[in-house]
């Protein structure tokens, strides 16, 4: 996990997320020494338009994180459209 990663956090990440939220990671807080498989992160909570609405420190289960970054191989980032090339026309 690195600064700038977009994550979708739901129940799989922690029971505190009864309503899933989307966040942009600022940093992982390593000095808190969490349990194995868990992490403390500092992140911005994003609204539906991808705008930061709150800065939060979150305790999350690593196996429950869902990456939204295209660079992380987990789908497209919020606010970005994916352009699909038109298929070439083949004469019948």
PDB file of N, CA and C in Angstrom:
ATOM      1  N   UNK A   1       0.849  -1.163   0.000  1.00  0.00           N
ATOM      2  CA  UNK A   1       0.000   0.000   0.000  1.00  0.00           C
ATOM      3  C   UNK A   1       0.902   1.235   0.000  1.00  0.00           C
ATOM      4  N   UNK A   2       0.531   2.223  -0.851  1.00  0.00           N
ATOM      5  CA  UNK A   2       1.356   3.422  -0.946  1.00  0.00           C
ATOM      6  C   UNK A   2       0.471   4.660  -1.054  1.00  0.00           C
ATOM      7  N   UNK A   3       1.069   5.814  -0.842  1.00  0.00           N
ATOM      8  CA  UNK A   3       0.343   7.077  -0.942  1.00  0.00           C
ATOM      9  C   UNK A   3      -0.302   7.197  -2.319  1.00  0.00           C
ATOM     10  N   UNK A   4      -1.554   7.630  -2.334  1.00  0.00           N
ATOM     11  CA  UNK A   4      -2.278   7.807  -3.588  1.00  0.00           C
ATOM     12  C   UNK A   4      -3.162   6.642  -3.973  1.00  0.00           C
ATOM     13  N   UNK A   5      -2.983   5.484  -3.347  1.00  0.00           N
ATOM     14  CA  UNK A   5      -3.833   4.330  -3.657  1.00  0.00           C
ATOM     15  C   UNK A   5      -5.287   4.642  -3.318  1.00  0.00           C
ATOM     16  N   UNK A   6      -6.189   4.230  -4.191  1.00  0.00           N
ATOM     17  CA  UNK A   6      -7.625   4.355  -3.945  1.00  0.00           C
ATOM     18  C   UNK A   6      -8.143   3.017  -3.453  1.00  0.00           C
ATOM     19  N   UNK A   7      -8.856   3.045  -2.322  1.00  0.00           N
ATOM     20  CA  UNK A   7      -9.378   1.819  -1.727  1.00  0.00           C
ATOM     21  C   UNK A   7     -10.865   1.946  -1.477  1.00  0.00           C
ATOM     22  N   UNK A   8     -11.571   0.836  -1.625  1.00  0.00           N
ATOM     23  CA  UNK A   8     -12.980   0.740  -1.240  1.00  0.00           C
ATOM     24  C   UNK A   8     -12.990  -0.103   0.025  1.00  0.00           C
ATOM     25  N   UNK A   9     -13.497   0.464   1.117  1.00  0.00           N
ATOM     26  CA  UNK A   9     -13.501  -0.216   2.405  1.00  0.00           C
ATOM     27  C   UNK A   9     -14.924  -0.577   2.795  1.00  0.00           C
ATOM     28  N   UNK A  10     -15.157  -1.861   2.994  1.00  0.00           N
ATOM     29  CA  UNK A  10     -16.459  -2.361   3.424  1.00  0.00           C
ATOM     30  C   UNK A  10     -16.281  -3.268   4.622  1.00  0.00           C
ATOM     31  N   UNK A  11     -17.300  -4.082   4.914  1.00  0.00           N
ATOM     32  CA  UNK A  11     -17.265  -4.978   6.074  1.00  0.00           C
ATOM     33  C   UNK A  11     -16.063  -5.919   6.067  1.00  0.00           C
ATOM     34  N   UNK A  12     -15.602  -6.313   4.880  1.00  0.00           N
ATOM     35  CA  UNK A  12     -14.454  -7.227   4.810  1.00  0.00           C
ATOM     36  C   UNK A  12     -13.185  -6.566   5.352  1.00  0.00           C
ATOM     37  N   UNK A  13     -13.113  -5.233   5.272  1.00  0.00           N
ATOM     38  CA  UNK A  13     -11.947  -4.505   5.776  1.00  0.00           C
ATOM     39  C   UNK A  13     -12.032  -4.267   7.276  1.00  0.00           C
ATOM     40  N   UNK A  14     -13.245  -4.100   7.806  1.00  0.00           N
ATOM     41  CA  UNK A  14     -13.443  -3.890   9.243  1.00  0.00           C
ATOM     42  C   UNK A  14     -14.937  -3.757   9.519  1.00  0.00           C
ATOM     43  N   UNK A  15     -15.350  -4.177  10.704  1.00  0.00           N
ATOM     44  CA  UNK A  15     -16.770  -4.081  11.057  1.00  0.00           C
ATOM     45  C   UNK A  15     -17.230  -2.633  11.183  1.00  0.00           C
ATOM     46  N   UNK A  16     -16.305  -1.684  11.300  1.00  0.00           N
ATOM     47  CA  UNK A  16     -16.688  -0.275  11.415  1.00  0.00           C
ATOM     48  C   UNK A  16     -17.301   0.270  10.127  1.00  0.00           C
ATOM     49  N   UNK A  17     -17.125  -0.445   9.008  1.00  0.00           N
ATOM     50  CA  UNK A  17     -17.634   0.041   7.727  1.00  0.00           C
ATOM     51  C   UNK A  17     -18.946  -0.650   7.368  1.00  0.00           C
ATOM     52  N   UNK A  18     -20.010  -0.343   8.109  1.00  0.00           N
ATOM     53  CA  UNK A  18     -21.322  -0.921   7.790  1.00  0.00           C
ATOM     54  C   UNK A  18     -21.816  -0.346   6.461  1.00  0.00           C
ATOM     55  N   UNK A  19     -21.364   0.862   6.126  1.00  0.00           N
ATOM     56  CA  UNK A  19     -21.617   1.473   4.822  1.00  0.00           C
ATOM     57  C   UNK A  19     -20.248   1.645   4.176  1.00  0.00           C
ATOM     58  N   UNK A  20     -20.015   1.032   3.021  1.00  0.00           N
ATOM     59  CA  UNK A  20     -18.691   1.124   2.387  1.00  0.00           C
ATOM     60  C   UNK A  20     -18.295   2.575   2.099  1.00  0.00           C
ATOM     61  N   UNK A  21     -17.000   2.855   2.207  1.00  0.00           N
ATOM     62  CA  UNK A  21     -16.468   4.177   1.880  1.00  0.00           C
ATOM     63  C   UNK A  21     -15.292   4.013   0.924  1.00  0.00           C
ATOM     64  N   UNK A  22     -15.000   5.090   0.206  1.00  0.00           N
ATOM     65  CA  UNK A  22     -13.849   5.127  -0.689  1.00  0.00           C
ATOM     66  C   UNK A  22     -12.836   6.096  -0.097  1.00  0.00           C
ATOM     67  N   UNK A  23     -11.570   5.689  -0.075  1.00  0.00           N
ATOM     68  CA  UNK A  23     -10.523   6.539   0.491  1.00  0.00           C
ATOM     69  C   UNK A  23      -9.313   6.596  -0.428  1.00  0.00           C
ATOM     70  N   UNK A  24      -8.548   7.700  -0.289  1.00  0.00           N
ATOM     71  CA  UNK A  24      -7.247   7.832  -0.953  1.00  0.00           C
ATOM     72  C   UNK A  24      -6.202   7.800   0.153  1.00  0.00           C
ATOM     73  N   UNK A  25      -5.288   6.839   0.066  1.00  0.00           N
ATOM     74  CA  UNK A  25      -4.283   6.633   1.111  1.00  0.00           C
ATOM     75  C   UNK A  25      -3.287   7.792   1.139  1.00  0.00           C
ATOM     76  N   UNK A  26      -3.015   8.291   2.352  1.00  0.00           N
ATOM     77  CA  UNK A  26      -1.952   9.272   2.569  1.00  0.00           C
ATOM     78  C   UNK A  26      -0.681   8.511   2.944  1.00  0.00           C
ATOM     79  N   UNK A  27      -0.812   7.609   3.931  1.00  0.00           N
ATOM     80  CA  UNK A  27       0.331   6.804   4.364  1.00  0.00           C
ATOM     81  C   UNK A  27      -0.149   5.675   5.253  1.00  0.00           C
ATOM     82  N   UNK A  28       0.691   4.670   5.382  1.00  0.00           N
ATOM     83  CA  UNK A  28       0.462   3.604   6.347  1.00  0.00           C
ATOM     84  C   UNK A  28       1.179   4.013   7.627  1.00  0.00           C
ATOM     85  N   UNK A  29       0.516   3.875   8.773  1.00  0.00           N
ATOM     86  CA  UNK A  29       1.085   4.296  10.055  1.00  0.00           C
ATOM     87  C   UNK A  29       1.758   3.083  10.693  1.00  0.00           C
ATOM     88  N   UNK A  30       3.010   2.854  10.333  1.00  0.00           N
ATOM     89  CA  UNK A  30       3.745   1.656  10.769  1.00  0.00           C
ATOM     90  C   UNK A  30       4.129   1.708  12.240  1.00  0.00           C
ATOM     91  N   UNK A  31       4.282   2.907  12.788  1.00  0.00           N
ATOM     92  CA  UNK A  31       4.724   3.009  14.181  1.00  0.00           C
ATOM     93  C   UNK A  31       3.679   2.558  15.202  1.00  0.00           C
ATOM     94  N   UNK A  32       2.477   2.228  14.761  1.00  0.00           N
ATOM     95  CA  UNK A  32       1.443   1.734  15.679  1.00  0.00           C
ATOM     96  C   UNK A  32       1.527   0.229  15.903  1.00  0.00           C
ATOM     97  N   UNK A  33       2.317  -0.490  15.127  1.00  0.00           N
ATOM     98  CA  UNK A  33       2.547  -1.932  15.282  1.00  0.00           C
ATOM     99  C   UNK A  33       1.240  -2.728  15.421  1.00  0.00           C
ATOM    100  N   UNK A  34       0.445  -2.796  14.342  1.00  0.00           N
ATOM    101  CA  UNK A  34      -0.829  -3.525  14.403  1.00  0.00           C
ATOM    102  C   UNK A  34      -0.621  -5.042  14.409  1.00  0.00           C
ATOM    103  N   UNK A  35      -1.715  -5.767  14.656  1.00  0.00           N
ATOM    104  CA  UNK A  35      -1.691  -7.229  14.592  1.00  0.00           C
ATOM    105  C   UNK A  35      -1.345  -7.674  13.176  1.00  0.00           C
ATOM    106  N   UNK A  36      -0.838  -8.908  13.032  1.00  0.00           N
ATOM    107  CA  UNK A  36      -0.548  -9.456  11.706  1.00  0.00           C
ATOM    108  C   UNK A  36      -1.814  -9.441  10.858  1.00  0.00           C
ATOM    109  N   UNK A  37      -1.685  -8.995   9.608  1.00  0.00           N
ATOM    110  CA  UNK A  37      -2.814  -8.966   8.692  1.00  0.00           C
ATOM    111  C   UNK A  37      -3.665  -7.712   8.805  1.00  0.00           C
ATOM    112  N   UNK A  38      -3.298  -6.793   9.681  1.00  0.00           N
ATOM    113  CA  UNK A  38      -4.031  -5.541   9.882  1.00  0.00           C
ATOM    114  C   UNK A  38      -3.081  -4.371   9.684  1.00  0.00           C
ATOM    115  N   UNK A  39      -3.633  -3.173   9.456  1.00  0.00           N
ATOM    116  CA  UNK A  39      -2.803  -1.975   9.289  1.00  0.00           C
ATOM    117  C   UNK A  39      -3.568  -0.744   9.746  1.00  0.00           C
ATOM    118  N   UNK A  40      -2.823   0.222  10.234  1.00  0.00           N
ATOM    119  CA  UNK A  40      -3.357   1.558  10.480  1.00  0.00           C
ATOM    120  C   UNK A  40      -2.997   2.395   9.266  1.00  0.00           C
ATOM    121  N   UNK A  41      -3.976   3.100   8.702  1.00  0.00           N
ATOM    122  CA  UNK A  41      -3.691   3.983   7.572  1.00  0.00           C
ATOM    123  C   UNK A  41      -4.255   5.367   7.854  1.00  0.00           C
ATOM    124  N   UNK A  42      -3.609   6.350   7.279  1.00  0.00           N
ATOM    125  CA  UNK A  42      -4.111   7.716   7.276  1.00  0.00           C
ATOM    126  C   UNK A  42      -4.611   7.934   5.855  1.00  0.00           C
ATOM    127  N   UNK A  43      -5.849   8.418   5.713  1.00  0.00           N
ATOM    128  CA  UNK A  43      -6.445   8.513   4.378  1.00  0.00           C
ATOM    129  C   UNK A  43      -7.472   9.633   4.323  1.00  0.00           C
ATOM    130  N   UNK A  44      -7.758  10.081   3.107  1.00  0.00           N
ATOM    131  CA  UNK A  44      -8.849  11.018   2.871  1.00  0.00           C
ATOM    132  C   UNK A  44     -10.071  10.224   2.444  1.00  0.00           C
ATOM    133  N   UNK A  45     -11.204  10.451   3.101  1.00  0.00           N
ATOM    134  CA  UNK A  45     -12.464   9.853   2.662  1.00  0.00           C
ATOM    135  C   UNK A  45     -12.969  10.676   1.486  1.00  0.00           C
ATOM    136  N   UNK A  46     -13.392   9.995   0.418  1.00  0.00           N
ATOM    137  CA  UNK A  46     -13.839  10.666  -0.801  1.00  0.00           C
ATOM    138  C   UNK A  46     -15.347  10.559  -0.962  1.00  0.00           C
ATOM    139  N   UNK A  47     -15.950  11.611  -1.538  1.00  0.00           N
ATOM    140  CA  UNK A  47     -17.377  11.537  -1.858  1.00  0.00           C
ATOM    141  C   UNK A  47     -17.546  10.862  -3.219  1.00  0.00           C
ATOM    142  N   UNK A  48     -18.765  10.811  -3.731  1.00  0.00           N
ATOM    143  CA  UNK A  48     -19.051  10.147  -4.997  1.00  0.00           C
ATOM    144  C   UNK A  48     -18.356  10.760  -6.200  1.00  0.00           C
ATOM    145  N   UNK A  49     -17.946  12.035  -6.082  1.00  0.00           N
ATOM    146  CA  UNK A  49     -17.253  12.710  -7.182  1.00  0.00           C
ATOM    147  C   UNK A  49     -15.736  12.577  -7.073  1.00  0.00           C
ATOM    148  N   UNK A  50     -15.259  11.889  -6.021  1.00  0.00           N
ATOM    149  CA  UNK A  50     -13.824  11.712  -5.837  1.00  0.00           C
ATOM    150  C   UNK A  50     -13.149  12.857  -5.113  1.00  0.00           C
ATOM    151  N   UNK A  51     -13.952  13.730  -4.471  1.00  0.00           N
ATOM    152  CA  UNK A  51     -13.418  14.876  -3.734  1.00  0.00           C
ATOM    153  C   UNK A  51     -13.258  14.504  -2.264  1.00  0.00           C
ATOM    154  N   UNK A  52     -12.122  14.870  -1.670  1.00  0.00           N
ATOM    155  CA  UNK A  52     -11.871  14.571  -0.256  1.00  0.00           C
ATOM    156  C   UNK A  52     -12.832  15.366   0.625  1.00  0.00           C
ATOM    157  N   UNK A  53     -13.495  14.660   1.551  1.00  0.00           N
ATOM    158  CA  UNK A  53     -14.439  15.313   2.461  1.00  0.00           C
ATOM    159  C   UNK A  53     -14.020  15.189   3.922  1.00  0.00           C
ATOM    160  N   UNK A  54     -13.082  14.285   4.238  1.00  0.00           N
ATOM    161  CA  UNK A  54     -12.620  14.108   5.616  1.00  0.00           C
ATOM    162  C   UNK A  54     -11.269  13.404   5.616  1.00  0.00           C
ATOM    163  N   UNK A  55     -10.437  13.768   6.601  1.00  0.00           N
ATOM    164  CA  UNK A  55      -9.162  13.078   6.803  1.00  0.00           C
ATOM    165  C   UNK A  55      -9.366  12.126   7.969  1.00  0.00           C
ATOM    166  N   UNK A  56      -8.987  10.841   7.790  1.00  0.00           N
ATOM    167  CA  UNK A  56      -9.263   9.832   8.806  1.00  0.00           C
ATOM    168  C   UNK A  56      -8.057   8.936   9.044  1.00  0.00           C
ATOM    169  N   UNK A  57      -7.983   8.405  10.266  1.00  0.00           N
ATOM    170  CA  UNK A  57      -7.046   7.336  10.599  1.00  0.00           C
ATOM    171  C   UNK A  57      -7.888   6.091  10.785  1.00  0.00           C
ATOM    172  N   UNK A  58      -7.561   5.023  10.045  1.00  0.00           N
ATOM    173  CA  UNK A  58      -8.408   3.837   9.990  1.00  0.00           C
ATOM    174  C   UNK A  58      -7.612   2.575  10.295  1.00  0.00           C
ATOM    175  N   UNK A  59      -8.240   1.649  11.010  1.00  0.00           N
ATOM    176  CA  UNK A  59      -7.662   0.341  11.319  1.00  0.00           C
ATOM    177  C   UNK A  59      -8.341  -0.654  10.397  1.00  0.00           C
ATOM    178  N   UNK A  60      -7.593  -1.259   9.477  1.00  0.00           N
ATOM    179  CA  UNK A  60      -8.192  -2.097   8.436  1.00  0.00           C
ATOM    180  C   UNK A  60      -7.512  -3.456   8.339  1.00  0.00           C
ATOM    181  N   UNK A  61      -8.307  -4.439   7.898  1.00  0.00           N
ATOM    182  CA  UNK A  61      -7.794  -5.790   7.643  1.00  0.00           C
ATOM    183  C   UNK A  61      -7.288  -5.824   6.207  1.00  0.00           C
ATOM    184  N   UNK A  62      -6.025  -6.152   6.026  1.00  0.00           N
ATOM    185  CA  UNK A  62      -5.406  -6.102   4.699  1.00  0.00           C
ATOM    186  C   UNK A  62      -6.103  -7.004   3.685  1.00  0.00           C
ATOM    187  N   UNK A  63      -6.558  -8.177   4.107  1.00  0.00           N
ATOM    188  CA  UNK A  63      -7.225  -9.108   3.191  1.00  0.00           C
ATOM    189  C   UNK A  63      -8.577  -8.570   2.717  1.00  0.00           C
ATOM    190  N   UNK A  64      -9.139  -7.593   3.423  1.00  0.00           N
ATOM    191  CA  UNK A  64     -10.444  -7.049   3.058  1.00  0.00           C
ATOM    192  C   UNK A  64     -10.391  -5.789   2.220  1.00  0.00           C
ATOM    193  N   UNK A  65      -9.185  -5.315   1.887  1.00  0.00           N
ATOM    194  CA  UNK A  65      -9.057  -4.095   1.091  1.00  0.00           C
ATOM    195  C   UNK A  65      -9.380  -4.377  -0.366  1.00  0.00           C
ATOM    196  N   UNK A  66     -10.066  -3.429  -1.007  1.00  0.00           N
ATOM    197  CA  UNK A  66     -10.364  -3.547  -2.437  1.00  0.00           C
ATOM    198  C   UNK A  66      -9.762  -2.339  -3.145  1.00  0.00           C
ATOM    199  N   UNK A  67      -8.723  -2.578  -3.961  1.00  0.00           N
ATOM    200  CA  UNK A  67      -8.048  -1.496  -4.673  1.00  0.00           C
ATOM    201  C   UNK A  67      -8.892  -1.039  -5.852  1.00  0.00           C
ATOM    202  N   UNK A  68      -8.961   0.289  -6.064  1.00  0.00           N
ATOM    203  CA  UNK A  68      -9.685   0.855  -7.198  1.00  0.00           C
ATOM    204  C   UNK A  68      -8.739   1.442  -8.240  1.00  0.00           C
ATOM    205  N   UNK A  69      -7.450   1.556  -7.933  1.00  0.00           N
ATOM    206  CA  UNK A  69      -6.475   2.125  -8.872  1.00  0.00           C
ATOM    207  C   UNK A  69      -6.308   1.219 -10.083  1.00  0.00           C
ATOM    208  N   UNK A  70      -6.235   1.816 -11.243  1.00  0.00           N
ATOM    209  CA  UNK A  70      -5.913   1.041 -12.440  1.00  0.00           C
ATOM    210  C   UNK A  70      -4.479   0.527 -12.349  1.00  0.00           C
ATOM    211  N   UNK A  71      -3.587   1.311 -11.748  1.00  0.00           N
ATOM    212  CA  UNK A  71      -2.182   0.927 -11.609  1.00  0.00           C
ATOM    213  C   UNK A  71      -1.989  -0.271 -10.698  1.00  0.00           C
ATOM    214  N   UNK A  72      -2.920  -0.484  -9.772  1.00  0.00           N
ATOM    215  CA  UNK A  72      -2.813  -1.619  -8.861  1.00  0.00           C
ATOM    216  C   UNK A  72      -3.458  -2.869  -9.462  1.00  0.00           C
ATOM    217  N   UNK A  73      -4.010  -2.736 -10.662  1.00  0.00           N
ATOM    218  CA  UNK A  73      -4.610  -3.880 -11.333  1.00  0.00           C
ATOM    219  C   UNK A  73      -5.965  -4.274 -10.778  1.00  0.00           C
ATOM    220  N   UNK A  74      -6.637  -3.343 -10.121  1.00  0.00           N
ATOM    221  CA  UNK A  74      -7.915  -3.671  -9.493  1.00  0.00           C
ATOM    222  C   UNK A  74      -9.084  -2.881 -10.072  1.00  0.00           C
ATOM    223  N   UNK A  75      -8.966  -2.294 -11.253  1.00  0.00           N
ATOM    224  CA  UNK A  75     -10.070  -1.547 -11.839  1.00  0.00           C
ATOM    225  C   UNK A  75      -9.683  -0.093 -12.060  1.00  0.00           C
ATOM    226  N   UNK A  76     -10.623   0.696 -12.531  1.00  0.00           N
ATOM    227  CA  UNK A  76     -10.353   2.094 -12.852  1.00  0.00           C
ATOM    228  C   UNK A  76     -10.537   2.985 -11.630  1.00  0.00           C
ATOM    229  N   UNK A  77      -9.823   4.081 -11.607  1.00  0.00           N
ATOM    230  CA  UNK A  77      -9.923   5.034 -10.498  1.00  0.00           C
ATOM    231  C   UNK A  77     -11.203   5.849 -10.606  1.00  0.00           C
ATOM    232  N   UNK A  78     -11.663   6.354  -9.492  1.00  0.00           N
ATOM    233  CA  UNK A  78     -12.867   7.182  -9.451  1.00  0.00           C
ATOM    234  C   UNK A  78     -12.646   8.435 -10.282  1.00  0.00           C
ATOM    235  N   UNK A  79     -13.662   8.856 -11.009  1.00  0.00           N
ATOM    236  CA  UNK A  79     -13.585  10.078 -11.768  1.00  0.00           C
ATOM    237  C   UNK A  79     -12.885   9.944 -13.111  1.00  0.00           C
ATOM    238  N   UNK A  80     -12.430   8.780 -13.455  1.00  0.00           N
ATOM    239  CA  UNK A  80     -11.760   8.568 -14.731  1.00  0.00           C
ATOM    240  C   UNK A  80     -12.633   7.678 -15.603  1.00  0.00           C
ATOM    241  N   UNK A  81     -12.751   8.061 -16.858  1.00  0.00           N
ATOM    242  CA  UNK A  81     -13.507   7.240 -17.799  1.00  0.00           C
ATOM    243  C   UNK A  81     -12.547   6.367 -18.580  1.00  0.00           C
ATOM    244  N   UNK A  82     -12.992   5.186 -18.848  1.00  0.00           N
ATOM    245  CA  UNK A  82     -12.183   4.264 -19.636  1.00  0.00           C
ATOM    246  C   UNK A  82     -12.684   4.310 -21.069  1.00  0.00           C
ATOM    247  N   UNK A  83     -11.798   4.611 -21.995  1.00  0.00           N
ATOM    248  CA  UNK A  83     -12.178   4.673 -23.409  1.00  0.00           C
ATOM    249  C   UNK A  83     -11.943   3.298 -24.024  1.00  0.00           C
ATOM    250  N   UNK A  84     -12.973   2.780 -24.665  1.00  0.00           N
ATOM    251  CA  UNK A  84     -12.883   1.477 -25.311  1.00  0.00           C
ATOM    252  C   UNK A  84     -12.825   1.706 -26.816  1.00  0.00           C
ATOM    253  N   UNK A  85     -11.824   1.150 -27.436  1.00  0.00           N
ATOM    254  CA  UNK A  85     -11.659   1.316 -28.880  1.00  0.00           C
ATOM    255  C   UNK A  85     -12.784   0.603 -29.624  1.00  0.00           C
ATOM    256  N   UNK A  86     -13.238   1.235 -30.700  1.00  0.00           N
ATOM    257  CA  UNK A  86     -14.282   0.629 -31.522  1.00  0.00           C
ATOM    258  C   UNK A  86     -13.714  -0.583 -32.251  1.00  0.00           C
ATOM    259  N   UNK A  87     -14.543  -1.594 -32.417  1.00  0.00           N
ATOM    260  CA  UNK A  87     -14.107  -2.783 -33.155  1.00  0.00           C
ATOM    261  C   UNK A  87     -14.039  -2.465 -34.640  1.00  0.00           C
ATOM    262  N   UNK A  88     -13.030  -2.978 -35.300  1.00  0.00           N
ATOM    263  CA  UNK A  88     -12.944  -2.741 -36.747  1.00  0.00           C
ATOM    264  C   UNK A  88     -14.105  -3.437 -37.462  1.00  0.00           C
ATOM    265  N   UNK A  89     -14.608  -2.787 -38.490  1.00  0.00           N
ATOM    266  CA  UNK A  89     -15.712  -3.351 -39.268  1.00  0.00           C
ATOM    267  C   UNK A  89     -15.164  -4.377 -40.252  1.00  0.00           C
ATOM    268  N   UNK A  90     -15.716  -5.566 -40.199  1.00  0.00           N
ATOM    269  CA  UNK A  90     -15.309  -6.638 -41.102  1.00  0.00           C
ATOM    270  C   UNK A  90     -16.416  -6.807 -42.137  1.00  0.00           C
ATOM    271  N   UNK A  91     -16.080  -6.728 -43.433  1.00  0.00           N
ATOM    272  CA  UNK A  91     -17.118  -6.896 -44.454  1.00  0.00           C
ATOM    273  C   UNK A  91     -17.739  -8.289 -44.370  1.00  0.00           C
ATOM    274  N   UNK A  92     -19.041  -8.340 -44.579  1.00  0.00           N
ATOM    275  CA  UNK A  92     -19.763  -9.611 -44.483  1.00  0.00           C
ATOM    276  C   UNK A  92     -19.648 -10.444 -45.723  1.00  0.00           C
TER     277      UNK A  92
END
